[in-house]
Amino acid sequence: MSSETQTDGGPAFPTNPMAEAMRGLDDDSVHSGLSKREWFAGMALQGLCANPASADRLKGDIELLAFKIADAMLSHEPTQEPQPNG
């Protein structure tokens, strides 16, 4: 596991390298897009901005809080798939 994967959670929407190769795309033309950290921060920012009171109160620090929330989510991400109850 690379250090990049450990810090940002890896790609939010990973692609299948074999499928990309079959479509004629090489490694230089395939982009992994957002990392999980960036995706989680965007979702946290959306939630924070949905409440005008928190958006006004936080002003310039709102993006920092969004990334703190994303980092907390990544640190608590389960390593295994949850087992169904019953």
PDB file of N, CA and C in Angstrom:
ATOM      1  N   MET A   1       0.849  -1.179   0.000  1.00  0.00           N
ATOM      2  CA  MET A   1       0.000   0.000   0.000  1.00  0.00           C
ATOM      3  C   MET A   1       0.889   1.235   0.000  1.00  0.00           C
ATOM      4  N   SER A   2       0.642   2.147  -0.903  1.00  0.00           N
ATOM      5  CA  SER A   2       1.477   3.341  -0.992  1.00  0.00           C
ATOM      6  C   SER A   2       1.098   4.335   0.097  1.00  0.00           C
ATOM      7  N   SER A   3       1.995   5.290   0.374  1.00  0.00           N
ATOM      8  CA  SER A   3       1.697   6.303   1.383  1.00  0.00           C
ATOM      9  C   SER A   3       0.550   7.193   0.936  1.00  0.00           C
ATOM     10  N   GLU A   4       0.387   7.385  -0.390  1.00  0.00           N
ATOM     11  CA  GLU A   4      -0.725   8.198  -0.889  1.00  0.00           C
ATOM     12  C   GLU A   4      -2.058   7.559  -0.524  1.00  0.00           C
ATOM     13  N   THR A   5      -2.160   6.250  -0.675  1.00  0.00           N
ATOM     14  CA  THR A   5      -3.385   5.547  -0.345  1.00  0.00           C
ATOM     15  C   THR A   5      -3.673   5.653   1.145  1.00  0.00           C
ATOM     16  N   GLN A   6      -2.640   5.591   1.974  1.00  0.00           N
ATOM     17  CA  GLN A   6      -2.835   5.671   3.412  1.00  0.00           C
ATOM     18  C   GLN A   6      -3.315   7.051   3.846  1.00  0.00           C
ATOM     19  N   THR A   7      -2.919   8.105   3.177  1.00  0.00           N
ATOM     20  CA  THR A   7      -3.278   9.445   3.615  1.00  0.00           C
ATOM     21  C   THR A   7      -4.577   9.945   3.026  1.00  0.00           C
ATOM     22  N   ASP A   8      -4.926   9.521   1.816  1.00  0.00           N
ATOM     23  CA  ASP A   8      -6.138  10.068   1.212  1.00  0.00           C
ATOM     24  C   ASP A   8      -7.229   9.037   0.969  1.00  0.00           C
ATOM     25  N   GLY A   9      -6.989   7.794   1.365  1.00  0.00           N
ATOM     26  CA  GLY A   9      -7.998   6.766   1.225  1.00  0.00           C
ATOM     27  C   GLY A   9      -8.080   6.123  -0.140  1.00  0.00           C
ATOM     28  N   GLY A  10      -7.253   6.549  -1.076  1.00  0.00           N
ATOM     29  CA  GLY A  10      -7.304   5.993  -2.424  1.00  0.00           C
ATOM     30  C   GLY A  10      -8.401   6.655  -3.242  1.00  0.00           C
ATOM     31  N   PRO A  11      -8.610   6.178  -4.457  1.00  0.00           N
ATOM     32  CA  PRO A  11      -9.604   6.814  -5.323  1.00  0.00           C
ATOM     33  C   PRO A  11     -11.024   6.580  -4.823  1.00  0.00           C
ATOM     34  N   ALA A  12     -11.856   7.604  -4.928  1.00  0.00           N
ATOM     35  CA  ALA A  12     -13.258   7.486  -4.521  1.00  0.00           C
ATOM     36  C   ALA A  12     -14.029   6.623  -5.506  1.00  0.00           C
ATOM     37  N   PHE A  13     -13.668   6.673  -6.766  1.00  0.00           N
ATOM     38  CA  PHE A  13     -14.339   5.916  -7.818  1.00  0.00           C
ATOM     39  C   PHE A  13     -13.284   5.217  -8.664  1.00  0.00           C
ATOM     40  N   PRO A  14     -12.713   4.118  -8.146  1.00  0.00           N
ATOM     41  CA  PRO A  14     -11.629   3.458  -8.872  1.00  0.00           C
ATOM     42  C   PRO A  14     -12.098   2.875 -10.195  1.00  0.00           C
ATOM     43  N   THR A  15     -11.160   2.794 -11.121  1.00  0.00           N
ATOM     44  CA  THR A  15     -11.463   2.215 -12.421  1.00  0.00           C
ATOM     45  C   THR A  15     -10.779   0.859 -12.529  1.00  0.00           C
ATOM     46  N   ASN A  16     -11.221   0.069 -13.458  1.00  0.00           N
ATOM     47  CA  ASN A  16     -10.639  -1.236 -13.706  1.00  0.00           C
ATOM     48  C   ASN A  16      -9.550  -1.058 -14.762  1.00  0.00           C
ATOM     49  N   PRO A  17      -8.272  -1.241 -14.404  1.00  0.00           N
ATOM     50  CA  PRO A  17      -7.193  -1.016 -15.372  1.00  0.00           C
ATOM     51  C   PRO A  17      -7.321  -1.878 -16.627  1.00  0.00           C
ATOM     52  N   MET A  18      -7.795  -3.108 -16.471  1.00  0.00           N
ATOM     53  CA  MET A  18      -7.932  -3.987 -17.628  1.00  0.00           C
ATOM     54  C   MET A  18      -9.001  -3.444 -18.584  1.00  0.00           C
ATOM     55  N   ALA A  19     -10.111  -2.968 -18.034  1.00  0.00           N
ATOM     56  CA  ALA A  19     -11.168  -2.408 -18.875  1.00  0.00           C
ATOM     57  C   ALA A  19     -10.676  -1.150 -19.591  1.00  0.00           C
ATOM     58  N   GLU A  20      -9.898  -0.343 -18.898  1.00  0.00           N
ATOM     59  CA  GLU A  20      -9.355   0.869 -19.511  1.00  0.00           C
ATOM     60  C   GLU A  20      -8.393   0.506 -20.636  1.00  0.00           C
ATOM     61  N   ALA A  21      -7.579  -0.532 -20.429  1.00  0.00           N
ATOM     62  CA  ALA A  21      -6.634  -0.959 -21.468  1.00  0.00           C
ATOM     63  C   ALA A  21      -7.388  -1.480 -22.693  1.00  0.00           C
ATOM     64  N   MET A  22      -8.487  -2.198 -22.460  1.00  0.00           N
ATOM     65  CA  MET A  22      -9.276  -2.720 -23.576  1.00  0.00           C
ATOM     66  C   MET A  22      -9.910  -1.590 -24.388  1.00  0.00           C
ATOM     67  N   ARG A  23     -10.195  -0.481 -23.735  1.00  0.00           N
ATOM     68  CA  ARG A  23     -10.756   0.680 -24.436  1.00  0.00           C
ATOM     69  C   ARG A  23      -9.664   1.471 -25.143  1.00  0.00           C
ATOM     70  N   GLY A  24      -8.417   1.032 -25.005  1.00  0.00           N
ATOM     71  CA  GLY A  24      -7.313   1.700 -25.691  1.00  0.00           C
ATOM     72  C   GLY A  24      -6.719   2.857 -24.922  1.00  0.00           C
ATOM     73  N   LEU A  25      -7.013   2.950 -23.636  1.00  0.00           N
ATOM     74  CA  LEU A  25      -6.471   4.037 -22.829  1.00  0.00           C
ATOM     75  C   LEU A  25      -5.208   3.562 -22.134  1.00  0.00           C
ATOM     76  N   ASP A  26      -4.178   4.381 -22.168  1.00  0.00           N
ATOM     77  CA  ASP A  26      -2.952   4.023 -21.462  1.00  0.00           C
ATOM     78  C   ASP A  26      -2.965   4.660 -20.082  1.00  0.00           C
ATOM     79  N   ASP A  27      -1.956   4.345 -19.272  1.00  0.00           N
ATOM     80  CA  ASP A  27      -1.897   4.840 -17.899  1.00  0.00           C
ATOM     81  C   ASP A  27      -1.885   6.354 -17.819  1.00  0.00           C
ATOM     82  N   ASP A  28      -1.299   7.016 -18.819  1.00  0.00           N
ATOM     83  CA  ASP A  28      -1.214   8.473 -18.777  1.00  0.00           C
ATOM     84  C   ASP A  28      -2.558   9.149 -19.026  1.00  0.00           C
ATOM     85  N   SER A  29      -3.487   8.446 -19.680  1.00  0.00           N
ATOM     86  CA  SER A  29      -4.769   9.071 -19.984  1.00  0.00           C
ATOM     87  C   SER A  29      -5.862   8.696 -18.989  1.00  0.00           C
ATOM     88  N   VAL A  30      -5.577   7.799 -18.045  1.00  0.00           N
ATOM     89  CA  VAL A  30      -6.551   7.375 -17.047  1.00  0.00           C
ATOM     90  C   VAL A  30      -6.317   8.188 -15.780  1.00  0.00           C
ATOM     91  N   HIS A  31      -7.346   8.822 -15.300  1.00  0.00           N
ATOM     92  CA  HIS A  31      -7.256   9.638 -14.089  1.00  0.00           C
ATOM     93  C   HIS A  31      -8.121   9.001 -13.010  1.00  0.00           C
ATOM     94  N   SER A  32      -7.593   8.934 -11.813  1.00  0.00           N
ATOM     95  CA  SER A  32      -8.363   8.327 -10.726  1.00  0.00           C
ATOM     96  C   SER A  32      -9.401   9.291 -10.167  1.00  0.00           C
ATOM     97  N   GLY A  33      -9.321  10.565 -10.502  1.00  0.00           N
ATOM     98  CA  GLY A  33     -10.321  11.524 -10.029  1.00  0.00           C
ATOM     99  C   GLY A  33     -10.114  11.883  -8.572  1.00  0.00           C
ATOM    100  N   LEU A  34     -11.208  12.099  -7.866  1.00  0.00           N
ATOM    101  CA  LEU A  34     -11.147  12.492  -6.467  1.00  0.00           C
ATOM    102  C   LEU A  34     -10.667  11.353  -5.589  1.00  0.00           C
ATOM    103  N   SER A  35      -9.934  11.727  -4.553  1.00  0.00           N
ATOM    104  CA  SER A  35      -9.583  10.741  -3.534  1.00  0.00           C
ATOM    105  C   SER A  35     -10.769  10.621  -2.582  1.00  0.00           C
ATOM    106  N   LYS A  36     -10.767   9.572  -1.768  1.00  0.00           N
ATOM    107  CA  LYS A  36     -11.835   9.445  -0.769  1.00  0.00           C
ATOM    108  C   LYS A  36     -11.818  10.642   0.176  1.00  0.00           C
ATOM    109  N   ARG A  37     -10.635  11.124   0.520  1.00  0.00           N
ATOM    110  CA  ARG A  37     -10.533  12.276   1.427  1.00  0.00           C
ATOM    111  C   ARG A  37     -11.203  13.503   0.813  1.00  0.00           C
ATOM    112  N   GLU A  38     -10.932  13.746  -0.471  1.00  0.00           N
ATOM    113  CA  GLU A  38     -11.547  14.890  -1.142  1.00  0.00           C
ATOM    114  C   GLU A  38     -13.060  14.716  -1.250  1.00  0.00           C
ATOM    115  N   TRP A  39     -13.502  13.496  -1.538  1.00  0.00           N
ATOM    116  CA  TRP A  39     -14.940  13.230  -1.646  1.00  0.00           C
ATOM    117  C   TRP A  39     -15.628  13.461  -0.302  1.00  0.00           C
ATOM    118  N   PHE A  40     -15.050  12.885   0.785  1.00  0.00           N
ATOM    119  CA  PHE A  40     -15.628  13.061   2.112  1.00  0.00           C
ATOM    120  C   PHE A  40     -15.640  14.533   2.515  1.00  0.00           C
ATOM    121  N   ALA A  41     -14.565  15.256   2.210  1.00  0.00           N
ATOM    122  CA  ALA A  41     -14.518  16.685   2.548  1.00  0.00           C
ATOM    123  C   ALA A  41     -15.596  17.449   1.791  1.00  0.00           C
ATOM    124  N   GLY A  42     -15.811  17.111   0.538  1.00  0.00           N
ATOM    125  CA  GLY A  42     -16.862  17.764  -0.240  1.00  0.00           C
ATOM    126  C   GLY A  42     -18.246  17.508   0.333  1.00  0.00           C
ATOM    127  N   MET A  43     -18.478  16.272   0.765  1.00  0.00           N
ATOM    128  CA  MET A  43     -19.778  15.939   1.365  1.00  0.00           C
ATOM    129  C   MET A  43     -19.949  16.657   2.705  1.00  0.00           C
ATOM    130  N   ALA A  44     -18.878  16.724   3.497  1.00  0.00           N
ATOM    131  CA  ALA A  44     -18.940  17.441   4.771  1.00  0.00           C
ATOM    132  C   ALA A  44     -19.179  18.929   4.530  1.00  0.00           C
ATOM    133  N   LEU A  45     -18.511  19.494   3.539  1.00  0.00           N
ATOM    134  CA  LEU A  45     -18.685  20.907   3.221  1.00  0.00           C
ATOM    135  C   LEU A  45     -20.119  21.185   2.779  1.00  0.00           C
ATOM    136  N   GLN A  46     -20.685  20.280   2.010  1.00  0.00           N
ATOM    137  CA  GLN A  46     -22.070  20.426   1.575  1.00  0.00           C
ATOM    138  C   GLN A  46     -23.007  20.461   2.783  1.00  0.00           C
ATOM    139  N   GLY A  47     -22.780  19.570   3.732  1.00  0.00           N
ATOM    140  CA  GLY A  47     -23.610  19.542   4.935  1.00  0.00           C
ATOM    141  C   GLY A  47     -23.440  20.790   5.778  1.00  0.00           C
ATOM    142  N   LEU A  48     -22.197  21.250   5.918  1.00  0.00           N
ATOM    143  CA  LEU A  48     -21.947  22.461   6.701  1.00  0.00           C
ATOM    144  C   LEU A  48     -22.587  23.685   6.048  1.00  0.00           C
ATOM    145  N   CYS A  49     -22.517  23.767   4.740  1.00  0.00           N
ATOM    146  CA  CYS A  49     -23.089  24.919   4.030  1.00  0.00           C
ATOM    147  C   CYS A  49     -24.612  24.869   3.988  1.00  0.00           C
ATOM    148  N   ALA A  50     -25.190  23.685   4.193  1.00  0.00           N
ATOM    149  CA  ALA A  50     -26.648  23.567   4.194  1.00  0.00           C
ATOM    150  C   ALA A  50     -27.252  24.264   5.405  1.00  0.00           C
ATOM    151  N   ASN A  51     -26.447  24.470   6.429  1.00  0.00           N
ATOM    152  CA  ASN A  51     -26.912  25.167   7.623  1.00  0.00           C
ATOM    153  C   ASN A  51     -26.308  26.565   7.615  1.00  0.00           C
ATOM    154  N   PRO A  52     -27.088  27.577   7.261  1.00  0.00           N
ATOM    155  CA  PRO A  52     -26.543  28.942   7.172  1.00  0.00           C
ATOM    156  C   PRO A  52     -25.894  29.427   8.465  1.00  0.00           C
ATOM    157  N   ALA A  53     -26.391  28.969   9.597  1.00  0.00           N
ATOM    158  CA  ALA A  53     -25.815  29.405  10.874  1.00  0.00           C
ATOM    159  C   ALA A  53     -24.364  28.935  10.994  1.00  0.00           C
ATOM    160  N   SER A  54     -24.091  27.682  10.628  1.00  0.00           N
ATOM    161  CA  SER A  54     -22.714  27.203  10.740  1.00  0.00           C
ATOM    162  C   SER A  54     -21.832  27.831   9.671  1.00  0.00           C
ATOM    163  N   ALA A  55     -22.374  28.045   8.474  1.00  0.00           N
ATOM    164  CA  ALA A  55     -21.584  28.663   7.410  1.00  0.00           C
ATOM    165  C   ALA A  55     -21.174  30.080   7.795  1.00  0.00           C
ATOM    166  N   ASP A  56     -22.088  30.852   8.377  1.00  0.00           N
ATOM    167  CA  ASP A  56     -21.767  32.216   8.800  1.00  0.00           C
ATOM    168  C   ASP A  56     -20.782  32.217   9.961  1.00  0.00           C
ATOM    169  N   ARG A  57     -20.965  31.291  10.887  1.00  0.00           N
ATOM    170  CA  ARG A  57     -20.124  31.249  12.080  1.00  0.00           C
ATOM    171  C   ARG A  57     -18.695  30.828  11.744  1.00  0.00           C
ATOM    172  N   LEU A  58     -18.535  29.907  10.808  1.00  0.00           N
ATOM    173  CA  LEU A  58     -17.208  29.372  10.499  1.00  0.00           C
ATOM    174  C   LEU A  58     -16.442  30.202   9.476  1.00  0.00           C
ATOM    175  N   LYS A  59     -17.138  30.864   8.601  1.00  0.00           N
ATOM    176  CA  LYS A  59     -16.569  31.702   7.533  1.00  0.00           C
ATOM    177  C   LYS A  59     -15.326  31.064   6.904  1.00  0.00           C
ATOM    178  N   GLY A  60     -14.145  31.612   7.105  1.00  0.00           N
ATOM    179  CA  GLY A  60     -12.933  31.162   6.418  1.00  0.00           C
ATOM    180  C   GLY A  60     -12.408  29.809   6.862  1.00  0.00           C
ATOM    181  N   ASP A  61     -12.898  29.293   7.983  1.00  0.00           N
ATOM    182  CA  ASP A  61     -12.387  28.021   8.493  1.00  0.00           C
ATOM    183  C   ASP A  61     -13.239  26.831   8.082  1.00  0.00           C
ATOM    184  N   ILE A  62     -14.278  27.050   7.313  1.00  0.00           N
ATOM    185  CA  ILE A  62     -15.215  25.972   6.999  1.00  0.00           C
ATOM    186  C   ILE A  62     -14.548  24.860   6.179  1.00  0.00           C
ATOM    187  N   GLU A  63     -13.641  25.215   5.282  1.00  0.00           N
ATOM    188  CA  GLU A  63     -12.982  24.172   4.484  1.00  0.00           C
ATOM    189  C   GLU A  63     -12.027  23.353   5.344  1.00  0.00           C
ATOM    190  N   LEU A  64     -11.409  23.986   6.343  1.00  0.00           N
ATOM    191  CA  LEU A  64     -10.528  23.247   7.252  1.00  0.00           C
ATOM    192  C   LEU A  64     -11.330  22.244   8.066  1.00  0.00           C
ATOM    193  N   LEU A  65     -12.503  22.661   8.528  1.00  0.00           N
ATOM    194  CA  LEU A  65     -13.363  21.759   9.283  1.00  0.00           C
ATOM    195  C   LEU A  65     -13.828  20.605   8.395  1.00  0.00           C
ATOM    196  N   ALA A  66     -14.135  20.889   7.139  1.00  0.00           N
ATOM    197  CA  ALA A  66     -14.565  19.832   6.216  1.00  0.00           C
ATOM    198  C   ALA A  66     -13.479  18.773   6.068  1.00  0.00           C
ATOM    199  N   PHE A  67     -12.219  19.178   5.967  1.00  0.00           N
ATOM    200  CA  PHE A  67     -11.138  18.203   5.845  1.00  0.00           C
ATOM    201  C   PHE A  67     -10.869  17.490   7.172  1.00  0.00           C
ATOM    202  N   LYS A  68     -11.092  18.156   8.300  1.00  0.00           N
ATOM    203  CA  LYS A  68     -10.962  17.474   9.591  1.00  0.00           C
ATOM    204  C   LYS A  68     -12.019  16.376   9.711  1.00  0.00           C
ATOM    205  N   ILE A  69     -13.228  16.674   9.252  1.00  0.00           N
ATOM    206  CA  ILE A  69     -14.294  15.668   9.264  1.00  0.00           C
ATOM    207  C   ILE A  69     -13.921  14.515   8.338  1.00  0.00           C
ATOM    208  N   ALA A  70     -13.405  14.832   7.145  1.00  0.00           N
ATOM    209  CA  ALA A  70     -12.993  13.790   6.195  1.00  0.00           C
ATOM    210  C   ALA A  70     -11.905  12.912   6.792  1.00  0.00           C
ATOM    211  N   ASP A  71     -10.920  13.526   7.450  1.00  0.00           N
ATOM    212  CA  ASP A  71      -9.837  12.756   8.067  1.00  0.00           C
ATOM    213  C   ASP A  71     -10.377  11.847   9.169  1.00  0.00           C
ATOM    214  N   ALA A  72     -11.345  12.354   9.936  1.00  0.00           N
ATOM    215  CA  ALA A  72     -11.952  11.532  10.986  1.00  0.00           C
ATOM    216  C   ALA A  72     -12.704  10.356  10.371  1.00  0.00           C
ATOM    217  N   MET A  73     -13.384  10.591   9.275  1.00  0.00           N
ATOM    218  CA  MET A  73     -14.107   9.506   8.608  1.00  0.00           C
ATOM    219  C   MET A  73     -13.140   8.452   8.088  1.00  0.00           C
ATOM    220  N   LEU A  74     -12.028   8.877   7.513  1.00  0.00           N
ATOM    221  CA  LEU A  74     -11.042   7.917   7.004  1.00  0.00           C
ATOM    222  C   LEU A  74     -10.399   7.116   8.126  1.00  0.00           C
ATOM    223  N   SER A  75     -10.190   7.738   9.266  1.00  0.00           N
ATOM    224  CA  SER A  75      -9.549   7.025  10.374  1.00  0.00           C
ATOM    225  C   SER A  75     -10.489   6.000  11.003  1.00  0.00           C
ATOM    226  N   HIS A  76     -11.784   6.142  10.788  1.00  0.00           N
ATOM    227  CA  HIS A  76     -12.762   5.211  11.342  1.00  0.00           C
ATOM    228  C   HIS A  76     -13.375   4.306  10.290  1.00  0.00           C
ATOM    229  N   GLU A  77     -12.836   4.335   9.094  1.00  0.00           N
ATOM    230  CA  GLU A  77     -13.366   3.513   8.012  1.00  0.00           C
ATOM    231  C   GLU A  77     -13.134   2.034   8.333  1.00  0.00           C
ATOM    232  N   PRO A  78     -14.179   1.209   8.229  1.00  0.00           N
ATOM    233  CA  PRO A  78     -13.999  -0.211   8.552  1.00  0.00           C
ATOM    234  C   PRO A  78     -13.056  -0.895   7.569  1.00  0.00           C
ATOM    235  N   THR A  79     -12.297  -1.842   8.057  1.00  0.00           N
ATOM    236  CA  THR A  79     -11.369  -2.572   7.199  1.00  0.00           C
ATOM    237  C   THR A  79     -12.031  -3.779   6.566  1.00  0.00           C
ATOM    238  N   GLN A  80     -13.194  -4.164   7.073  1.00  0.00           N
ATOM    239  CA  GLN A  80     -13.914  -5.302   6.535  1.00  0.00           C
ATOM    240  C   GLN A  80     -15.329  -4.872   6.165  1.00  0.00           C
ATOM    241  N   GLU A  81     -15.936  -5.644   5.267  1.00  0.00           N
ATOM    242  CA  GLU A  81     -17.336  -5.412   4.943  1.00  0.00           C
ATOM    243  C   GLU A  81     -18.175  -5.794   6.152  1.00  0.00           C
ATOM    244  N   PRO A  82     -19.200  -4.998   6.481  1.00  0.00           N
ATOM    245  CA  PRO A  82     -20.056  -5.379   7.601  1.00  0.00           C
ATOM    246  C   PRO A  82     -20.804  -6.678   7.291  1.00  0.00           C
ATOM    247  N   GLN A  83     -20.985  -7.481   8.325  1.00  0.00           N
ATOM    248  CA  GLN A  83     -21.689  -8.739   8.164  1.00  0.00           C
ATOM    249  C   GLN A  83     -23.188  -8.506   8.345  1.00  0.00           C
ATOM    250  N   PRO A  84     -24.018  -9.130   7.520  1.00  0.00           N
ATOM    251  CA  PRO A  84     -25.470  -8.949   7.659  1.00  0.00           C
ATOM    252  C   PRO A  84     -25.962  -9.537   8.985  1.00  0.00           C
ATOM    253  N   ASN A  85     -26.945  -8.885   9.555  1.00  0.00           N
ATOM    254  CA  ASN A  85     -27.548  -9.382  10.798  1.00  0.00           C
ATOM    255  C   ASN A  85     -28.544 -10.479  10.463  1.00  0.00           C
ATOM    256  N   GLY A  86     -28.536 -11.511  11.285  1.00  0.00           N
ATOM    257  CA  GLY A  86     -29.558 -12.548  11.114  1.00  0.00           C
ATOM    258  C   GLY A  86     -29.053 -13.692  10.440  1.00  0.00           C
TER     259      GLY A  86
END
